[in-house]
Structure formats: structure tokens, C-alpha cells
């Protein structure tokens, strides 16, 4: 199985070289790295090119960028990875093994990793534990958990919905019609920068509130205004 890693970026020139270098050391020769540049105002495109990634241009918007990357990907499995997130060392093998083992009566066609959030606040570890626990119960994954799926599952679900927020939640709902997710215990490590920039407690409250409102049927376009 060939793996395509799709990374939507916006003004990530500073951290992108190190992130892509780590990815290149982890993944096999048949894997591909696709950086989808969404109208960055820095040198993200040049940084990705120098690191050997394939660069795709897209309109700004995480869902649009990830769909654009999937459209050109050559892999059998698509992995959507945030630019501030690092994969565990055996990620590629873990994904392929999990997908192959899911070929029986209870087939699994998508999944995600557990997540660890780095930062100064102890609450970030609590937030990560709650995210992992909630995901196992509900079958809903978030982008921070590095969602992966077979190409067929992605296409059957219609890709990411073209909305400014909660695109990962909505895709998870669609994928649940195909199978429960594979919840890999291996941890991706993601930055807690956005949590700490606006205050950890404030961000926790905001995210839970937005998720509740989305579940109640409030359009993502309205929720995006509060998120920004």
C-alpha cells in the first residue's frame, strides 16, 4: 500500500523544513509528501520545495486545501497531517498493518492516532487525554489526531465538506457510515501554540461550546466567526 501524506499549510515557513525532514526519515521511498499551500504570505512554498515535497496550490481553507491534495495524491491510503504535528516513528507501518488487519467481516477503512499536545500548561495533557477518550467512544476524530483512510473511503464519503470549521468532524460522521475508526494508541505530537496563545481555559471552553452548537445544528459558517 502506498501512503500519501497531505499537509495543508498557511504561513508555516519557519517550522516546515524540520517537519518535512522528520517525515522523510520516517516514511518509505514509495510514500509521498504533498504540501498544499493556501495563499501563504511567507516562504512556505519555497521551504516545502527545498525539502523535497510536492507543492500544490489551493484557495485558502483547510478543507479545500486537503481536498486539493487528495485530488493529486497517488497513494492507496491518504493521511492528513497538520503542519505543527509530528508522526510517531512507526506510523507508516502501523497504518498499513491496521488497514490490512481490518479486511475481515468488521472491516475498518479509516482511523486516527492518539494525540499528545505539547506546551507549558498541565491542562494540555488533560485536553489530549479527553480528546483521545472521547474519540474512542464517539468514533469522531479531529484533524489534530492525523486522520487517515483508504482512498476509496475518502471518495465514498465525498471528501472534506467545503466549510470553514468542523470539516474533520463532518468527515468523521460520513466515514462512520462505512466503518468505525481504527484508534491507534501510537501518539502524534502536536503543538499547543493556539491553546496557549489565547489562554488554555478560554480555548477549552470555546472549542467545547462550538462543538456543542455544531451538534445542535448551527452552521459552520456562523461558528467560524466565533472561532476567529
Foldseek 3Di string as FASTA:
>chain_A
DEEEEEEEDAQPLVQQLVQLVLVVVQDDPRYAYEYEYAPHPDCNVVSCVVSPHHYHYFHDALQGSRVRSLVPDDDQKYWYAYSQKHFDRNVVVVVVVQQVVQPDPQRAFKAFEQEQEDDDDPVSRVVSVVQLVVCVVPLQHDNRRTIMGGSVLCVQLVGFDPFRDCSSRSSSVSSVVVHRHDYHHGYMYGYCVVCPVVDVVVVVVLVVVLVVVVVVPDGRNVSVVVVD
